[in-house]
């Protein structure tokens, strides 16, 4: 029986390395998001317009310094737009058209399917934050560098939490229902979820949107560590949503 040395025949059949598959999957997810016109409207144009409006117009009351407070809230909105609304809609339609089922039948492990989506969302969020931060600096935002590590950690935590919520919504319901609900929830969180407006209602601070906006304001405006309360709220929502998503997410 004739044997051949490894590497004799190219391309060599077999599954690629896990880091390479994760990189390719995350890059694909990020590129699909950035090429989608509706996603660009949701993740870039609307947050950018709201940042400029909240910074320059005094119609909506905002704590001083106004630009810093507006920046923190729009950072939170950008994370919600990409990690929750965008991911939920994309997952819902991927299930509808059988994309998720075909990916699950490939060499990609199940955990890598989720990790690739999360990494792709982190890339999109990072680009959003850079664009919004540059705009805020032009508008007069003075960023305390002592808050940079906390801001980065909160962005990652917020992306993971709202990503889990997006998977929970997009992985269980029909695509049309996901599309409607994701946009409605986005608007509700913006208006009465502690993002654009400070709603003096007791339960609002228990919402992940309000917790993320409050925590980001602490680091972005004051340059200090966020309180335990908002971080605990984000972690709790993320853990519960992730646990439920593993039970309810369907491939089709």
C-alpha atoms as a PDB file:
ATOM      1  CA  UNK A   1       0.000   0.000   0.000  1.00  0.00           C
ATOM      2  CA  UNK A   2       1.471   3.340  -1.062  1.00  0.00           C
ATOM      3  CA  UNK A   3       1.438   6.152   1.490  1.00  0.00           C
ATOM      4  CA  UNK A   4       2.107   9.822   0.879  1.00  0.00           C
ATOM      5  CA  UNK A   5       3.665  12.350   3.186  1.00  0.00           C
ATOM      6  CA  UNK A   6       1.348  14.936   4.731  1.00  0.00           C
ATOM      7  CA  UNK A   7       1.040  18.012   2.532  1.00  0.00           C
ATOM      8  CA  UNK A   8       1.682  16.133  -0.728  1.00  0.00           C
ATOM      9  CA  UNK A   9      -1.726  17.037  -2.105  1.00  0.00           C
ATOM     10  CA  UNK A  10      -3.074  20.581  -1.957  1.00  0.00           C
ATOM     11  CA  UNK A  11      -5.579  21.812  -1.030  1.00  0.00           C
ATOM     12  CA  UNK A  12      -5.510  19.371   1.877  1.00  0.00           C
ATOM     13  CA  UNK A  13      -9.011  18.223   2.855  1.00  0.00           C
ATOM     14  CA  UNK A  14     -10.141  18.672   6.439  1.00  0.00           C
ATOM     15  CA  UNK A  15     -11.538  21.261   8.806  1.00  0.00           C
ATOM     16  CA  UNK A  16      -9.647  24.507   9.257  1.00  0.00           C
ATOM     17  CA  UNK A  17      -8.239  25.658  12.576  1.00  0.00           C
ATOM     18  CA  UNK A  18     -10.724  27.014  15.106  1.00  0.00           C
ATOM     19  CA  UNK A  19      -9.126  30.498  15.344  1.00  0.00           C
ATOM     20  CA  UNK A  20      -9.216  30.857  11.559  1.00  0.00           C
ATOM     21  CA  UNK A  21     -12.852  29.715  11.352  1.00  0.00           C
ATOM     22  CA  UNK A  22     -13.777  32.143  14.136  1.00  0.00           C
ATOM     23  CA  UNK A  23     -11.995  34.994  12.361  1.00  0.00           C
ATOM     24  CA  UNK A  24     -13.646  34.275   8.997  1.00  0.00           C
ATOM     25  CA  UNK A  25     -17.096  33.841  10.535  1.00  0.00           C
ATOM     26  CA  UNK A  26     -16.817  37.053  12.578  1.00  0.00           C
ATOM     27  CA  UNK A  27     -15.523  38.987   9.559  1.00  0.00           C
ATOM     28  CA  UNK A  28     -18.401  37.697   7.437  1.00  0.00           C
ATOM     29  CA  UNK A  29     -20.990  38.683  10.031  1.00  0.00           C
ATOM     30  CA  UNK A  30     -19.492  42.159  10.397  1.00  0.00           C
ATOM     31  CA  UNK A  31     -19.295  42.721   6.648  1.00  0.00           C
ATOM     32  CA  UNK A  32     -22.882  41.596   6.116  1.00  0.00           C
ATOM     33  CA  UNK A  33     -24.004  44.106   8.725  1.00  0.00           C
ATOM     34  CA  UNK A  34     -21.945  46.968   7.280  1.00  0.00           C
ATOM     35  CA  UNK A  35     -23.218  46.279   3.749  1.00  0.00           C
ATOM     36  CA  UNK A  36     -26.871  46.392   4.781  1.00  0.00           C
ATOM     37  CA  UNK A  37     -28.428  49.800   4.211  1.00  0.00           C
ATOM     38  CA  UNK A  38     -31.114  49.367   6.858  1.00  0.00           C
ATOM     39  CA  UNK A  39     -28.493  48.295   9.400  1.00  0.00           C
ATOM     40  CA  UNK A  40     -26.380  51.362   8.602  1.00  0.00           C
ATOM     41  CA  UNK A  41     -29.422  53.562   9.186  1.00  0.00           C
ATOM     42  CA  UNK A  42     -30.084  51.898  12.541  1.00  0.00           C
ATOM     43  CA  UNK A  43     -26.525  51.600  13.790  1.00  0.00           C
ATOM     44  CA  UNK A  44     -24.835  54.721  12.404  1.00  0.00           C
ATOM     45  CA  UNK A  45     -27.075  57.425  10.951  1.00  0.00           C
ATOM     46  CA  UNK A  46     -29.751  57.548  13.667  1.00  0.00           C
ATOM     47  CA  UNK A  47     -27.307  57.455  16.643  1.00  0.00           C
ATOM     48  CA  UNK A  48     -25.121  60.090  14.942  1.00  0.00           C
ATOM     49  CA  UNK A  49     -28.104  62.384  14.311  1.00  0.00           C
ATOM     50  CA  UNK A  50     -29.348  61.940  17.885  1.00  0.00           C
ATOM     51  CA  UNK A  51     -25.892  62.690  19.297  1.00  0.00           C
ATOM     52  CA  UNK A  52     -25.734  65.984  17.415  1.00  0.00           C
ATOM     53  CA  UNK A  53     -29.324  66.875  18.336  1.00  0.00           C
ATOM     54  CA  UNK A  54     -28.994  66.051  22.039  1.00  0.00           C
ATOM     55  CA  UNK A  55     -25.686  67.907  22.256  1.00  0.00           C
ATOM     56  CA  UNK A  56     -26.798  71.117  20.541  1.00  0.00           C
ATOM     57  CA  UNK A  57     -30.528  71.339  21.327  1.00  0.00           C
ATOM     58  CA  UNK A  58     -31.788  72.026  24.831  1.00  0.00           C
ATOM     59  CA  UNK A  59     -35.326  70.759  24.207  1.00  0.00           C
ATOM     60  CA  UNK A  60     -34.647  67.534  26.095  1.00  0.00           C
ATOM     61  CA  UNK A  61     -33.242  68.089  29.619  1.00  0.00           C
ATOM     62  CA  UNK A  62     -29.767  66.605  30.032  1.00  0.00           C
ATOM     63  CA  UNK A  63     -27.300  66.662  32.941  1.00  0.00           C
ATOM     64  CA  UNK A  64     -24.251  68.862  32.554  1.00  0.00           C
ATOM     65  CA  UNK A  65     -21.848  68.642  30.848  1.00  0.00           C
ATOM     66  CA  UNK A  66     -24.460  68.165  28.184  1.00  0.00           C
ATOM     67  CA  UNK A  67     -22.213  66.806  25.433  1.00  0.00           C
ATOM     68  CA  UNK A  68     -20.690  64.213  27.764  1.00  0.00           C
ATOM     69  CA  UNK A  69     -24.069  63.017  29.015  1.00  0.00           C
ATOM     70  CA  UNK A  70     -25.418  62.827  25.465  1.00  0.00           C
ATOM     71  CA  UNK A  71     -22.336  60.883  24.363  1.00  0.00           C
ATOM     72  CA  UNK A  72     -22.770  58.272  27.097  1.00  0.00           C
ATOM     73  CA  UNK A  73     -26.435  57.757  26.237  1.00  0.00           C
ATOM     74  CA  UNK A  74     -25.810  57.489  22.508  1.00  0.00           C
ATOM     75  CA  UNK A  75     -23.004  55.007  23.151  1.00  0.00           C
ATOM     76  CA  UNK A  76     -25.603  52.893  24.961  1.00  0.00           C
ATOM     77  CA  UNK A  77     -28.068  53.326  22.081  1.00  0.00           C
ATOM     78  CA  UNK A  78     -25.419  52.271  19.552  1.00  0.00           C
ATOM     79  CA  UNK A  79     -24.763  49.067  21.503  1.00  0.00           C
ATOM     80  CA  UNK A  80     -28.496  48.323  21.713  1.00  0.00           C
ATOM     81  CA  UNK A  81     -28.914  48.974  17.978  1.00  0.00           C
ATOM     82  CA  UNK A  82     -26.156  46.594  16.903  1.00  0.00           C
ATOM     83  CA  UNK A  83     -26.100  43.901  19.580  1.00  0.00           C
ATOM     84  CA  UNK A  84     -29.850  43.613  20.161  1.00  0.00           C
ATOM     85  CA  UNK A  85     -31.946  44.950  17.299  1.00  0.00           C
ATOM     86  CA  UNK A  86     -29.535  44.164  14.478  1.00  0.00           C
ATOM     87  CA  UNK A  87     -28.616  40.722  15.775  1.00  0.00           C
ATOM     88  CA  UNK A  88     -32.227  39.743  16.477  1.00  0.00           C
ATOM     89  CA  UNK A  89     -33.403  40.698  12.977  1.00  0.00           C
ATOM     90  CA  UNK A  90     -30.415  39.065  11.269  1.00  0.00           C
ATOM     91  CA  UNK A  91     -30.855  35.845  13.239  1.00  0.00           C
ATOM     92  CA  UNK A  92     -34.594  35.748  12.571  1.00  0.00           C
ATOM     93  CA  UNK A  93     -34.143  35.997   8.804  1.00  0.00           C
ATOM     94  CA  UNK A  94     -31.159  33.631   8.813  1.00  0.00           C
ATOM     95  CA  UNK A  95     -33.462  31.036  10.372  1.00  0.00           C
ATOM     96  CA  UNK A  96     -36.219  31.804   7.891  1.00  0.00           C
ATOM     97  CA  UNK A  97     -34.005  31.301   4.836  1.00  0.00           C
ATOM     98  CA  UNK A  98     -32.270  28.231   6.247  1.00  0.00           C
ATOM     99  CA  UNK A  99     -28.844  29.878   6.624  1.00  0.00           C
ATOM    100  CA  UNK A 100     -28.462  28.847  10.245  1.00  0.00           C
ATOM    101  CA  UNK A 101     -29.417  25.252   9.475  1.00  0.00           C
ATOM    102  CA  UNK A 102     -26.835  25.035   6.686  1.00  0.00           C
ATOM    103  CA  UNK A 103     -24.122  26.579   8.868  1.00  0.00           C
ATOM    104  CA  UNK A 104     -24.934  24.115  11.641  1.00  0.00           C
ATOM    105  CA  UNK A 105     -24.431  21.250   9.161  1.00  0.00           C
ATOM    106  CA  UNK A 106     -20.964  22.517   8.239  1.00  0.00           C
ATOM    107  CA  UNK A 107     -17.686  22.025  10.090  1.00  0.00           C
ATOM    108  CA  UNK A 108     -18.432  25.020  12.326  1.00  0.00           C
ATOM    109  CA  UNK A 109     -19.122  23.950  15.929  1.00  0.00           C
ATOM    110  CA  UNK A 110     -22.315  25.311  17.480  1.00  0.00           C
ATOM    111  CA  UNK A 111     -20.420  27.431  19.995  1.00  0.00           C
ATOM    112  CA  UNK A 112     -18.392  28.980  17.181  1.00  0.00           C
ATOM    113  CA  UNK A 113     -21.569  30.021  15.385  1.00  0.00           C
ATOM    114  CA  UNK A 114     -22.546  32.034  18.460  1.00  0.00           C
ATOM    115  CA  UNK A 115     -18.994  33.291  19.113  1.00  0.00           C
ATOM    116  CA  UNK A 116     -18.656  34.463  15.519  1.00  0.00           C
ATOM    117  CA  UNK A 117     -21.838  36.490  15.753  1.00  0.00           C
ATOM    118  CA  UNK A 118     -20.735  38.021  19.054  1.00  0.00           C
ATOM    119  CA  UNK A 119     -17.293  38.926  17.687  1.00  0.00           C
ATOM    120  CA  UNK A 120     -18.875  40.377  14.565  1.00  0.00           C
ATOM    121  CA  UNK A 121     -21.187  42.500  16.704  1.00  0.00           C
ATOM    122  CA  UNK A 122     -18.201  43.682  18.771  1.00  0.00           C
ATOM    123  CA  UNK A 123     -16.433  44.803  15.596  1.00  0.00           C
ATOM    124  CA  UNK A 124     -19.479  46.786  14.459  1.00  0.00           C
ATOM    125  CA  UNK A 125     -19.935  48.317  17.923  1.00  0.00           C
ATOM    126  CA  UNK A 126     -16.256  49.300  18.027  1.00  0.00           C
ATOM    127  CA  UNK A 127     -16.587  51.104  14.684  1.00  0.00           C
ATOM    128  CA  UNK A 128     -19.739  52.837  15.916  1.00  0.00           C
ATOM    129  CA  UNK A 129     -18.061  54.001  19.113  1.00  0.00           C
ATOM    130  CA  UNK A 130     -15.035  55.377  17.235  1.00  0.00           C
ATOM    131  CA  UNK A 131     -17.244  57.349  14.832  1.00  0.00           C
ATOM    132  CA  UNK A 132     -19.474  58.662  17.621  1.00  0.00           C
ATOM    133  CA  UNK A 133     -16.492  59.522  19.833  1.00  0.00           C
ATOM    134  CA  UNK A 134     -14.828  61.548  17.074  1.00  0.00           C
ATOM    135  CA  UNK A 135     -18.095  63.424  16.501  1.00  0.00           C
ATOM    136  CA  UNK A 136     -18.509  64.052  20.232  1.00  0.00           C
ATOM    137  CA  UNK A 137     -14.964  65.415  20.507  1.00  0.00           C
ATOM    138  CA  UNK A 138     -15.721  67.829  17.670  1.00  0.00           C
ATOM    139  CA  UNK A 139     -18.867  68.909  19.543  1.00  0.00           C
ATOM    140  CA  UNK A 140     -16.823  69.686  22.656  1.00  0.00           C
ATOM    141  CA  UNK A 141     -16.743  66.429  24.638  1.00  0.00           C
ATOM    142  CA  UNK A 142     -13.854  66.273  27.097  1.00  0.00           C
ATOM    143  CA  UNK A 143     -13.147  62.627  27.739  1.00  0.00           C
ATOM    144  CA  UNK A 144     -11.437  61.772  31.047  1.00  0.00           C
ATOM    145  CA  UNK A 145      -8.790  59.180  30.176  1.00  0.00           C
ATOM    146  CA  UNK A 146      -9.203  57.579  33.601  1.00  0.00           C
ATOM    147  CA  UNK A 147     -12.582  56.294  32.415  1.00  0.00           C
ATOM    148  CA  UNK A 148     -11.228  54.539  29.298  1.00  0.00           C
ATOM    149  CA  UNK A 149     -10.731  51.060  30.861  1.00  0.00           C
ATOM    150  CA  UNK A 150     -14.190  51.156  32.417  1.00  0.00           C
ATOM    151  CA  UNK A 151     -15.748  52.337  29.172  1.00  0.00           C
ATOM    152  CA  UNK A 152     -14.171  49.462  27.240  1.00  0.00           C
ATOM    153  CA  UNK A 153     -15.328  46.891  29.808  1.00  0.00           C
ATOM    154  CA  UNK A 154     -18.862  48.326  29.797  1.00  0.00           C
ATOM    155  CA  UNK A 155     -19.011  48.267  25.988  1.00  0.00           C
ATOM    156  CA  UNK A 156     -18.034  44.581  26.000  1.00  0.00           C
ATOM    157  CA  UNK A 157     -20.467  43.747  28.817  1.00  0.00           C
ATOM    158  CA  UNK A 158     -23.277  45.694  27.154  1.00  0.00           C
ATOM    159  CA  UNK A 159     -22.650  43.994  23.811  1.00  0.00           C
ATOM    160  CA  UNK A 160     -22.715  40.543  25.432  1.00  0.00           C
ATOM    161  CA  UNK A 161     -25.887  41.313  27.407  1.00  0.00           C
ATOM    162  CA  UNK A 162     -27.864  42.792  24.541  1.00  0.00           C
ATOM    163  CA  UNK A 163     -26.448  40.184  22.183  1.00  0.00           C
ATOM    164  CA  UNK A 164     -27.915  37.474  24.410  1.00  0.00           C
ATOM    165  CA  UNK A 165     -31.246  39.314  24.412  1.00  0.00           C
ATOM    166  CA  UNK A 166     -31.096  39.594  20.627  1.00  0.00           C
ATOM    167  CA  UNK A 167     -30.456  35.859  20.252  1.00  0.00           C
ATOM    168  CA  UNK A 168     -33.314  35.150  22.662  1.00  0.00           C
ATOM    169  CA  UNK A 169     -35.727  37.177  20.532  1.00  0.00           C
ATOM    170  CA  UNK A 170     -34.415  36.290  17.075  1.00  0.00           C
ATOM    171  CA  UNK A 171     -33.955  32.592  17.802  1.00  0.00           C
ATOM    172  CA  UNK A 172     -37.478  31.788  18.955  1.00  0.00           C
ATOM    173  CA  UNK A 173     -40.025  33.743  16.881  1.00  0.00           C
ATOM    174  CA  UNK A 174     -40.906  34.128  13.198  1.00  0.00           C
ATOM    175  CA  UNK A 175     -38.804  36.595  11.234  1.00  0.00           C
ATOM    176  CA  UNK A 176     -41.682  39.012  10.620  1.00  0.00           C
ATOM    177  CA  UNK A 177     -42.569  39.100  14.319  1.00  0.00           C
ATOM    178  CA  UNK A 178     -38.901  39.544  15.248  1.00  0.00           C
ATOM    179  CA  UNK A 179     -38.601  42.466  12.825  1.00  0.00           C
ATOM    180  CA  UNK A 180     -41.586  44.253  14.359  1.00  0.00           C
ATOM    181  CA  UNK A 181     -40.778  43.496  17.994  1.00  0.00           C
ATOM    182  CA  UNK A 182     -37.085  44.368  17.712  1.00  0.00           C
ATOM    183  CA  UNK A 183     -37.850  47.807  16.300  1.00  0.00           C
ATOM    184  CA  UNK A 184     -40.639  48.475  18.796  1.00  0.00           C
ATOM    185  CA  UNK A 185     -38.446  47.479  21.742  1.00  0.00           C
ATOM    186  CA  UNK A 186     -35.617  49.642  20.387  1.00  0.00           C
ATOM    187  CA  UNK A 187     -37.921  52.670  20.252  1.00  0.00           C
ATOM    188  CA  UNK A 188     -39.393  51.994  23.706  1.00  0.00           C
ATOM    189  CA  UNK A 189     -35.944  51.643  25.274  1.00  0.00           C
ATOM    190  CA  UNK A 190     -34.850  54.861  23.590  1.00  0.00           C
ATOM    191  CA  UNK A 191     -37.797  56.907  24.844  1.00  0.00           C
ATOM    192  CA  UNK A 192     -38.732  55.417  28.222  1.00  0.00           C
ATOM    193  CA  UNK A 193     -35.917  52.962  28.914  1.00  0.00           C
ATOM    194  CA  UNK A 194     -33.522  55.472  30.434  1.00  0.00           C
ATOM    195  CA  UNK A 195     -31.526  56.208  27.257  1.00  0.00           C
ATOM    196  CA  UNK A 196     -32.664  59.492  25.700  1.00  0.00           C
ATOM    197  CA  UNK A 197     -34.894  60.518  28.602  1.00  0.00           C
ATOM    198  CA  UNK A 198     -34.400  60.161  32.330  1.00  0.00           C
ATOM    199  CA  UNK A 199     -37.718  58.630  33.374  1.00  0.00           C
ATOM    200  CA  UNK A 200     -38.413  59.030  37.123  1.00  0.00           C
ATOM    201  CA  UNK A 201     -40.044  55.623  37.520  1.00  0.00           C
ATOM    202  CA  UNK A 202     -38.773  53.109  40.059  1.00  0.00           C
ATOM    203  CA  UNK A 203     -38.454  50.064  37.801  1.00  0.00           C
ATOM    204  CA  UNK A 204     -36.640  51.822  34.931  1.00  0.00           C
ATOM    205  CA  UNK A 205     -33.244  51.505  36.612  1.00  0.00           C
ATOM    206  CA  UNK A 206     -33.742  47.732  36.511  1.00  0.00           C
ATOM    207  CA  UNK A 207     -33.829  47.758  32.710  1.00  0.00           C
ATOM    208  CA  UNK A 208     -30.547  46.881  30.954  1.00  0.00           C
ATOM    209  CA  UNK A 209     -30.789  50.001  28.781  1.00  0.00           C
ATOM    210  CA  UNK A 210     -30.941  52.344  31.767  1.00  0.00           C
ATOM    211  CA  UNK A 211     -28.209  50.409  33.586  1.00  0.00           C
ATOM    212  CA  UNK A 212     -25.888  50.616  30.570  1.00  0.00           C
ATOM    213  CA  UNK A 213     -26.545  54.342  30.011  1.00  0.00           C
ATOM    214  CA  UNK A 214     -26.006  55.115  33.694  1.00  0.00           C
ATOM    215  CA  UNK A 215     -22.805  53.077  33.927  1.00  0.00           C
ATOM    216  CA  UNK A 216     -21.394  54.598  30.735  1.00  0.00           C
ATOM    217  CA  UNK A 217     -22.195  58.101  31.966  1.00  0.00           C
ATOM    218  CA  UNK A 218     -20.148  57.448  35.113  1.00  0.00           C
ATOM    219  CA  UNK A 219     -17.072  56.439  33.123  1.00  0.00           C
ATOM    220  CA  UNK A 220     -17.491  58.733  30.109  1.00  0.00           C
ATOM    221  CA  UNK A 221     -18.354  61.923  32.011  1.00  0.00           C
ATOM    222  CA  UNK A 222     -16.703  61.493  35.420  1.00  0.00           C
ATOM    223  CA  UNK A 223     -13.954  59.025  34.564  1.00  0.00           C
ATOM    224  CA  UNK A 224     -14.731  56.754  37.502  1.00  0.00           C
ATOM    225  CA  UNK A 225     -15.782  53.142  37.957  1.00  0.00           C
ATOM    226  CA  UNK A 226     -19.495  52.397  37.530  1.00  0.00           C
ATOM    227  CA  UNK A 227     -21.573  51.451  40.540  1.00  0.00           C
ATOM    228  CA  UNK A 228     -22.229  47.860  41.473  1.00  0.00           C
ATOM    229  CA  UNK A 229     -25.964  48.215  40.821  1.00  0.00           C
ATOM    230  CA  UNK A 230     -25.908  48.947  37.063  1.00  0.00           C
ATOM    231  CA  UNK A 231     -23.234  46.304  36.449  1.00  0.00           C
ATOM    232  CA  UNK A 232     -25.229  43.707  38.409  1.00  0.00           C
ATOM    233  CA  UNK A 233     -28.345  44.539  36.372  1.00  0.00           C
ATOM    234  CA  UNK A 234     -26.465  44.036  33.104  1.00  0.00           C
ATOM    235  CA  UNK A 235     -24.919  40.760  34.252  1.00  0.00           C
ATOM    236  CA  UNK A 236     -28.272  39.445  35.506  1.00  0.00           C
ATOM    237  CA  UNK A 237     -30.066  40.243  32.248  1.00  0.00           C
ATOM    238  CA  UNK A 238     -27.243  38.700  30.230  1.00  0.00           C
ATOM    239  CA  UNK A 239     -27.114  35.469  32.237  1.00  0.00           C
ATOM    240  CA  UNK A 240     -30.884  34.975  32.222  1.00  0.00           C
ATOM    241  CA  UNK A 241     -31.222  35.798  28.510  1.00  0.00           C
ATOM    242  CA  UNK A 242     -28.327  33.502  27.620  1.00  0.00           C
ATOM    243  CA  UNK A 243     -29.756  30.620  29.638  1.00  0.00           C
ATOM    244  CA  UNK A 244     -33.190  31.024  28.057  1.00  0.00           C
ATOM    245  CA  UNK A 245     -31.733  31.415  24.557  1.00  0.00           C
ATOM    246  CA  UNK A 246     -29.949  28.061  24.797  1.00  0.00           C
ATOM    247  CA  UNK A 247     -33.327  26.418  25.445  1.00  0.00           C
ATOM    248  CA  UNK A 248     -35.516  28.301  22.974  1.00  0.00           C
ATOM    249  CA  UNK A 249     -33.299  29.016  19.935  1.00  0.00           C
ATOM    250  CA  UNK A 250     -34.296  27.004  16.877  1.00  0.00           C
ATOM    251  CA  UNK A 251     -32.358  26.519  13.662  1.00  0.00           C
ATOM    252  CA  UNK A 252     -35.429  26.979  11.441  1.00  0.00           C
END
